[in-house]
Amino acid sequence: MTIRTRITDDNPVLLDIWHRAVKATHAFLSEQDIAGLYPQVRDLYLPSVTIWVAETGDGRIAGFIGTNDAQIEMLFVDPDRFGQRVGTRLLDHVRAQHPHPTVDVNEQNPGAHAFYRRYGFRDIGRSETDAAGRPFPLIHMSY
Protein backbone atom coordinates (compact mmCIF):
# COMPACT_ATOMS: atom_id res chain seq x y z
CA MET A 1 0.00 0.00 0.00
CA THR A 2 1.28 3.44 -0.90
CA ILE A 3 0.22 6.85 0.38
CA ARG A 4 0.01 9.57 -2.23
CA THR A 5 -1.46 13.01 -2.74
CA ARG A 6 -5.03 13.13 -3.97
CA ILE A 7 -5.63 14.06 -7.60
CA THR A 8 -8.90 15.53 -8.87
CA ASP A 9 -9.80 12.28 -10.64
CA ASP A 10 -9.88 10.57 -7.22
CA ASN A 11 -12.81 12.66 -5.98
CA PRO A 12 -15.66 10.37 -7.16
CA VAL A 13 -14.02 7.39 -5.45
CA LEU A 14 -13.37 9.42 -2.30
CA LEU A 15 -17.01 10.48 -2.18
CA ASP A 16 -18.11 6.87 -2.59
CA ILE A 17 -15.81 5.76 0.24
CA TRP A 18 -17.03 8.64 2.41
CA HIS A 19 -20.67 7.72 1.78
CA ARG A 20 -20.24 4.00 2.47
CA ALA A 21 -18.01 4.58 5.52
CA VAL A 22 -20.44 7.09 7.03
CA LYS A 23 -23.35 4.69 6.54
CA ALA A 24 -21.31 1.93 8.21
CA THR A 25 -20.07 3.97 11.20
CA HIS A 26 -22.36 6.94 11.81
CA ALA A 27 -25.60 5.27 12.94
CA PHE A 28 -26.66 8.54 14.58
CA LEU A 29 -27.05 10.17 11.14
CA SER A 30 -30.26 9.66 9.20
CA GLU A 31 -30.33 9.09 5.45
CA GLN A 32 -31.54 12.68 5.18
CA ASP A 33 -28.56 13.91 7.23
CA ILE A 34 -26.14 12.02 4.99
CA ALA A 35 -27.82 13.27 1.82
CA GLY A 36 -27.56 16.83 3.15
CA LEU A 37 -23.87 16.43 3.96
CA TYR A 38 -22.95 14.91 0.60
CA PRO A 39 -22.83 18.17 -1.42
CA GLN A 40 -20.95 19.88 1.42
CA VAL A 41 -18.33 17.14 1.45
CA ARG A 42 -18.06 17.27 -2.35
CA ASP A 43 -18.05 21.05 -2.80
CA LEU A 44 -16.59 22.42 0.45
CA TYR A 45 -14.75 19.90 2.60
CA LEU A 46 -12.79 17.85 0.05
CA PRO A 47 -11.47 20.91 -1.82
CA SER A 48 -10.49 22.75 1.38
CA VAL A 49 -8.03 20.26 2.90
CA THR A 50 -4.84 18.45 1.98
CA ILE A 51 -5.84 14.87 1.18
CA TRP A 52 -3.62 11.82 1.25
CA VAL A 53 -4.88 8.62 -0.36
CA ALA A 54 -4.02 5.04 0.58
CA GLU A 55 -3.71 3.11 -2.67
CA THR A 56 -3.41 -0.66 -2.93
CA GLY A 57 -0.96 -2.43 -5.21
CA ASP A 58 -3.66 -2.83 -7.85
CA GLY A 59 -4.36 0.92 -7.90
CA ARG A 60 -7.54 0.91 -5.82
CA ILE A 61 -8.14 3.52 -3.16
CA ALA A 62 -8.57 1.93 0.26
CA GLY A 63 -9.05 5.13 2.26
CA PHE A 64 -8.06 8.75 2.68
CA ILE A 65 -7.17 11.35 5.27
CA GLY A 66 -7.69 15.10 5.02
CA THR A 67 -5.74 17.61 7.07
CA ASN A 68 -5.49 21.31 7.67
CA ASP A 69 -1.94 21.58 8.97
CA ALA A 70 -1.87 19.37 12.11
CA GLN A 71 -5.68 19.14 12.41
CA ILE A 72 -7.12 15.93 10.99
CA GLU A 73 -10.37 17.00 9.36
CA MET A 74 -11.41 13.62 7.97
CA LEU A 75 -10.31 10.00 7.89
CA PHE A 76 -12.40 7.49 5.98
CA VAL A 77 -11.62 3.90 5.05
CA ASP A 78 -13.47 1.75 2.54
CA PRO A 79 -15.68 -0.49 4.72
CA ASP A 80 -14.40 -3.49 2.75
CA ARG A 81 -10.94 -2.61 4.17
CA PHE A 82 -11.90 -2.15 7.83
CA GLY A 83 -9.41 -3.90 10.11
CA GLN A 84 -6.62 -3.92 7.51
CA ARG A 85 -4.59 -1.07 9.10
CA VAL A 86 -5.45 1.42 6.35
CA GLY A 87 -6.38 4.10 8.89
CA THR A 88 -3.24 3.42 10.90
CA ARG A 89 -1.05 3.83 7.82
CA LEU A 90 -2.76 7.10 6.96
CA LEU A 91 -2.23 8.37 10.52
CA ASP A 92 1.42 7.29 10.40
CA HIS A 93 1.83 9.36 7.23
CA VAL A 94 0.32 12.45 8.82
CA ARG A 95 2.36 12.03 12.01
CA ALA A 96 5.56 11.97 9.95
CA GLN A 97 4.72 15.56 8.99
CA HIS A 98 2.91 16.69 12.14
CA PRO A 99 4.13 14.75 15.21
CA HIS A 100 1.27 15.99 17.43
CA PRO A 101 -1.90 16.05 15.33
CA THR A 102 -5.34 16.85 16.68
CA VAL A 103 -8.73 15.50 15.68
CA ASP A 104 -12.40 15.99 16.57
CA VAL A 105 -14.44 12.78 16.78
CA ASN A 106 -18.21 12.44 16.89
CA GLU A 107 -19.10 11.24 20.38
CA GLN A 108 -21.76 8.98 18.85
CA ASN A 109 -19.07 7.16 16.86
CA PRO A 110 -17.46 5.05 19.61
CA GLY A 111 -15.54 2.95 17.09
CA ALA A 112 -13.65 6.00 15.80
CA HIS A 113 -13.01 7.24 19.34
CA ALA A 114 -11.60 3.84 20.32
CA PHE A 115 -9.47 3.72 17.15
CA TYR A 116 -7.81 7.05 17.91
CA ARG A 117 -7.29 6.12 21.58
CA ARG A 118 -5.63 2.83 20.57
CA TYR A 119 -3.34 4.82 18.28
CA GLY A 120 -2.30 7.04 21.21
CA PHE A 121 -4.60 10.07 21.02
CA ARG A 122 -5.99 11.44 24.28
CA ASP A 123 -9.18 13.35 24.98
CA ILE A 124 -8.52 17.05 25.59
CA GLY A 125 -12.04 18.49 25.49
CA ARG A 126 -15.64 18.16 24.38
CA SER A 127 -18.21 20.28 22.55
CA GLU A 128 -21.99 19.82 22.75
CA THR A 129 -22.40 20.50 19.02
CA ASP A 130 -20.41 19.98 15.85
CA ALA A 131 -18.72 22.85 13.98
CA ALA A 132 -21.99 23.64 12.17
CA GLY A 133 -23.93 23.88 15.45
CA ARG A 134 -25.79 20.60 14.97
CA PRO A 135 -26.54 18.47 18.05
CA PHE A 136 -23.69 16.02 17.39
CA PRO A 137 -21.25 16.29 20.32
CA LEU A 138 -17.54 16.21 19.50
CA ILE A 139 -14.64 14.83 21.49
CA HIS A 140 -11.47 16.86 20.90
CA MET A 141 -8.34 14.70 20.86
CA SER A 142 -4.59 15.27 20.59
CA TYR A 143 -1.63 12.99 20.06
C-alpha atoms as a PDB file:
ATOM      1  CA  MET A   1       0.000   0.000   0.000  1.00  0.00           C
ATOM      2  CA  THR A   2       1.281   3.442  -0.896  1.00  0.00           C
ATOM      3  CA  ILE A   3       0.223   6.849   0.381  1.00  0.00           C
ATOM      4  CA  ARG A   4       0.013   9.572  -2.235  1.00  0.00           C
ATOM      5  CA  THR A   5      -1.457  13.015  -2.736  1.00  0.00           C
ATOM      6  CA  ARG A   6      -5.029  13.130  -3.973  1.00  0.00           C
ATOM      7  CA  ILE A   7      -5.631  14.060  -7.598  1.00  0.00           C
ATOM      8  CA  THR A   8      -8.901  15.526  -8.872  1.00  0.00           C
ATOM      9  CA  ASP A   9      -9.796  12.278 -10.643  1.00  0.00           C
ATOM     10  CA  ASP A  10      -9.881  10.570  -7.215  1.00  0.00           C
ATOM     11  CA  ASN A  11     -12.808  12.655  -5.982  1.00  0.00           C
ATOM     12  CA  PRO A  12     -15.664  10.373  -7.163  1.00  0.00           C
ATOM     13  CA  VAL A  13     -14.023   7.390  -5.448  1.00  0.00           C
ATOM     14  CA  LEU A  14     -13.367   9.425  -2.296  1.00  0.00           C
ATOM     15  CA  LEU A  15     -17.010  10.476  -2.184  1.00  0.00           C
ATOM     16  CA  ASP A  16     -18.107   6.865  -2.591  1.00  0.00           C
ATOM     17  CA  ILE A  17     -15.805   5.763   0.240  1.00  0.00           C
ATOM     18  CA  TRP A  18     -17.025   8.644   2.415  1.00  0.00           C
ATOM     19  CA  HIS A  19     -20.670   7.720   1.775  1.00  0.00           C
ATOM     20  CA  ARG A  20     -20.238   4.003   2.468  1.00  0.00           C
ATOM     21  CA  ALA A  21     -18.011   4.580   5.516  1.00  0.00           C
ATOM     22  CA  VAL A  22     -20.438   7.091   7.034  1.00  0.00           C
ATOM     23  CA  LYS A  23     -23.348   4.688   6.536  1.00  0.00           C
ATOM     24  CA  ALA A  24     -21.306   1.934   8.214  1.00  0.00           C
ATOM     25  CA  THR A  25     -20.067   3.966  11.196  1.00  0.00           C
ATOM     26  CA  HIS A  26     -22.358   6.938  11.808  1.00  0.00           C
ATOM     27  CA  ALA A  27     -25.597   5.267  12.941  1.00  0.00           C
ATOM     28  CA  PHE A  28     -26.663   8.540  14.580  1.00  0.00           C
ATOM     29  CA  LEU A  29     -27.047  10.168  11.135  1.00  0.00           C
ATOM     30  CA  SER A  30     -30.257   9.659   9.196  1.00  0.00           C
ATOM     31  CA  GLU A  31     -30.328   9.090   5.450  1.00  0.00           C
ATOM     32  CA  GLN A  32     -31.542  12.683   5.180  1.00  0.00           C
ATOM     33  CA  ASP A  33     -28.560  13.913   7.228  1.00  0.00           C
ATOM     34  CA  ILE A  34     -26.141  12.016   4.994  1.00  0.00           C
ATOM     35  CA  ALA A  35     -27.822  13.271   1.824  1.00  0.00           C
ATOM     36  CA  GLY A  36     -27.557  16.828   3.148  1.00  0.00           C
ATOM     37  CA  LEU A  37     -23.870  16.425   3.962  1.00  0.00           C
ATOM     38  CA  TYR A  38     -22.946  14.905   0.599  1.00  0.00           C
ATOM     39  CA  PRO A  39     -22.827  18.170  -1.417  1.00  0.00           C
ATOM     40  CA  GLN A  40     -20.954  19.877   1.421  1.00  0.00           C
ATOM     41  CA  VAL A  41     -18.331  17.139   1.445  1.00  0.00           C
ATOM     42  CA  ARG A  42     -18.060  17.268  -2.354  1.00  0.00           C
ATOM     43  CA  ASP A  43     -18.046  21.047  -2.797  1.00  0.00           C
ATOM     44  CA  LEU A  44     -16.587  22.421   0.449  1.00  0.00           C
ATOM     45  CA  TYR A  45     -14.753  19.898   2.599  1.00  0.00           C
ATOM     46  CA  LEU A  46     -12.788  17.853   0.054  1.00  0.00           C
ATOM     47  CA  PRO A  47     -11.471  20.914  -1.820  1.00  0.00           C
ATOM     48  CA  SER A  48     -10.486  22.745   1.378  1.00  0.00           C
ATOM     49  CA  VAL A  49      -8.028  20.256   2.904  1.00  0.00           C
ATOM     50  CA  THR A  50      -4.836  18.450   1.980  1.00  0.00           C
ATOM     51  CA  ILE A  51      -5.837  14.874   1.179  1.00  0.00           C
ATOM     52  CA  TRP A  52      -3.620  11.825   1.253  1.00  0.00           C
ATOM     53  CA  VAL A  53      -4.884   8.622  -0.362  1.00  0.00           C
ATOM     54  CA  ALA A  54      -4.021   5.039   0.579  1.00  0.00           C
ATOM     55  CA  GLU A  55      -3.714   3.108  -2.666  1.00  0.00           C
ATOM     56  CA  THR A  56      -3.407  -0.658  -2.927  1.00  0.00           C
ATOM     57  CA  GLY A  57      -0.958  -2.430  -5.211  1.00  0.00           C
ATOM     58  CA  ASP A  58      -3.659  -2.831  -7.847  1.00  0.00           C
ATOM     59  CA  GLY A  59      -4.358   0.916  -7.900  1.00  0.00           C
ATOM     60  CA  ARG A  60      -7.544   0.908  -5.819  1.00  0.00           C
ATOM     61  CA  ILE A  61      -8.136   3.522  -3.162  1.00  0.00           C
ATOM     62  CA  ALA A  62      -8.573   1.930   0.265  1.00  0.00           C
ATOM     63  CA  GLY A  63      -9.049   5.131   2.260  1.00  0.00           C
ATOM     64  CA  PHE A  64      -8.060   8.750   2.679  1.00  0.00           C
ATOM     65  CA  ILE A  65      -7.170  11.352   5.273  1.00  0.00           C
ATOM     66  CA  GLY A  66      -7.693  15.104   5.022  1.00  0.00           C
ATOM     67  CA  THR A  67      -5.736  17.612   7.072  1.00  0.00           C
ATOM     68  CA  ASN A  68      -5.492  21.314   7.669  1.00  0.00           C
ATOM     69  CA  ASP A  69      -1.937  21.578   8.974  1.00  0.00           C
ATOM     70  CA  ALA A  70      -1.865  19.374  12.112  1.00  0.00           C
ATOM     71  CA  GLN A  71      -5.675  19.141  12.409  1.00  0.00           C
ATOM     72  CA  ILE A  72      -7.119  15.928  10.993  1.00  0.00           C
ATOM     73  CA  GLU A  73     -10.366  16.996   9.364  1.00  0.00           C
ATOM     74  CA  MET A  74     -11.407  13.618   7.966  1.00  0.00           C
ATOM     75  CA  LEU A  75     -10.308   9.996   7.888  1.00  0.00           C
ATOM     76  CA  PHE A  76     -12.396   7.486   5.975  1.00  0.00           C
ATOM     77  CA  VAL A  77     -11.622   3.903   5.049  1.00  0.00           C
ATOM     78  CA  ASP A  78     -13.466   1.753   2.535  1.00  0.00           C
ATOM     79  CA  PRO A  79     -15.682  -0.488   4.716  1.00  0.00           C
ATOM     80  CA  ASP A  80     -14.396  -3.491   2.750  1.00  0.00           C
ATOM     81  CA  ARG A  81     -10.942  -2.606   4.166  1.00  0.00           C
ATOM     82  CA  PHE A  82     -11.898  -2.149   7.826  1.00  0.00           C
ATOM     83  CA  GLY A  83      -9.413  -3.899  10.106  1.00  0.00           C
ATOM     84  CA  GLN A  84      -6.618  -3.924   7.513  1.00  0.00           C
ATOM     85  CA  ARG A  85      -4.585  -1.072   9.098  1.00  0.00           C
ATOM     86  CA  VAL A  86      -5.450   1.424   6.351  1.00  0.00           C
ATOM     87  CA  GLY A  87      -6.385   4.097   8.889  1.00  0.00           C
ATOM     88  CA  THR A  88      -3.237   3.422  10.901  1.00  0.00           C
ATOM     89  CA  ARG A  89      -1.051   3.833   7.822  1.00  0.00           C
ATOM     90  CA  LEU A  90      -2.755   7.100   6.963  1.00  0.00           C
ATOM     91  CA  LEU A  91      -2.228   8.373  10.523  1.00  0.00           C
ATOM     92  CA  ASP A  92       1.418   7.292  10.398  1.00  0.00           C
ATOM     93  CA  HIS A  93       1.833   9.359   7.227  1.00  0.00           C
ATOM     94  CA  VAL A  94       0.318  12.451   8.821  1.00  0.00           C
ATOM     95  CA  ARG A  95       2.359  12.032  12.008  1.00  0.00           C
ATOM     96  CA  ALA A  96       5.563  11.968   9.955  1.00  0.00           C
ATOM     97  CA  GLN A  97       4.724  15.561   8.986  1.00  0.00           C
ATOM     98  CA  HIS A  98       2.913  16.687  12.139  1.00  0.00           C
ATOM     99  CA  PRO A  99       4.131  14.753  15.214  1.00  0.00           C
ATOM    100  CA  HIS A 100       1.270  15.991  17.432  1.00  0.00           C
ATOM    101  CA  PRO A 101      -1.901  16.045  15.327  1.00  0.00           C
ATOM    102  CA  THR A 102      -5.344  16.847  16.681  1.00  0.00           C
ATOM    103  CA  VAL A 103      -8.733  15.497  15.676  1.00  0.00           C
ATOM    104  CA  ASP A 104     -12.396  15.988  16.574  1.00  0.00           C
ATOM    105  CA  VAL A 105     -14.436  12.783  16.780  1.00  0.00           C
ATOM    106  CA  ASN A 106     -18.211  12.439  16.895  1.00  0.00           C
ATOM    107  CA  GLU A 107     -19.097  11.243  20.380  1.00  0.00           C
ATOM    108  CA  GLN A 108     -21.763   8.985  18.855  1.00  0.00           C
ATOM    109  CA  ASN A 109     -19.069   7.158  16.857  1.00  0.00           C
ATOM    110  CA  PRO A 110     -17.458   5.051  19.610  1.00  0.00           C
ATOM    111  CA  GLY A 111     -15.537   2.954  17.089  1.00  0.00           C
ATOM    112  CA  ALA A 112     -13.648   6.001  15.804  1.00  0.00           C
ATOM    113  CA  HIS A 113     -13.010   7.244  19.337  1.00  0.00           C
ATOM    114  CA  ALA A 114     -11.598   3.843  20.318  1.00  0.00           C
ATOM    115  CA  PHE A 115      -9.468   3.722  17.145  1.00  0.00           C
ATOM    116  CA  TYR A 116      -7.808   7.051  17.912  1.00  0.00           C
ATOM    117  CA  ARG A 117      -7.287   6.119  21.578  1.00  0.00           C
ATOM    118  CA  ARG A 118      -5.632   2.833  20.573  1.00  0.00           C
ATOM    119  CA  TYR A 119      -3.343   4.820  18.284  1.00  0.00           C
ATOM    120  CA  GLY A 120      -2.296   7.042  21.209  1.00  0.00           C
ATOM    121  CA  PHE A 121      -4.597  10.070  21.017  1.00  0.00           C
ATOM    122  CA  ARG A 122      -5.992  11.442  24.279  1.00  0.00           C
ATOM    123  CA  ASP A 123      -9.183  13.352  24.985  1.00  0.00           C
ATOM    124  CA  ILE A 124      -8.522  17.046  25.592  1.00  0.00           C
ATOM    125  CA  GLY A 125     -12.044  18.487  25.485  1.00  0.00           C
ATOM    126  CA  ARG A 126     -15.639  18.161  24.378  1.00  0.00           C
ATOM    127  CA  SER A 127     -18.212  20.277  22.546  1.00  0.00           C
ATOM    128  CA  GLU A 128     -21.987  19.824  22.753  1.00  0.00           C
ATOM    129  CA  THR A 129     -22.400  20.503  19.023  1.00  0.00           C
ATOM    130  CA  ASP A 130     -20.412  19.983  15.848  1.00  0.00           C
ATOM    131  CA  ALA A 131     -18.723  22.845  13.984  1.00  0.00           C
ATOM    132  CA  ALA A 132     -21.990  23.642  12.175  1.00  0.00           C
ATOM    133  CA  GLY A 133     -23.926  23.878  15.448  1.00  0.00           C
ATOM    134  CA  ARG A 134     -25.792  20.600  14.973  1.00  0.00           C
ATOM    135  CA  PRO A 135     -26.544  18.466  18.052  1.00  0.00           C
ATOM    136  CA  PHE A 136     -23.693  16.023  17.391  1.00  0.00           C
ATOM    137  CA  PRO A 137     -21.245  16.288  20.325  1.00  0.00           C
ATOM    138  CA  LEU A 138     -17.540  16.211  19.500  1.00  0.00           C
ATOM    139  CA  ILE A 139     -14.636  14.832  21.491  1.00  0.00           C
ATOM    140  CA  HIS A 140     -11.469  16.861  20.904  1.00  0.00           C
ATOM    141  CA  MET A 141      -8.340  14.703  20.861  1.00  0.00           C
ATOM    142  CA  SER A 142      -4.594  15.271  20.594  1.00  0.00           C
ATOM    143  CA  TYR A 143      -1.628  12.986  20.062  1.00  0.00           C
END
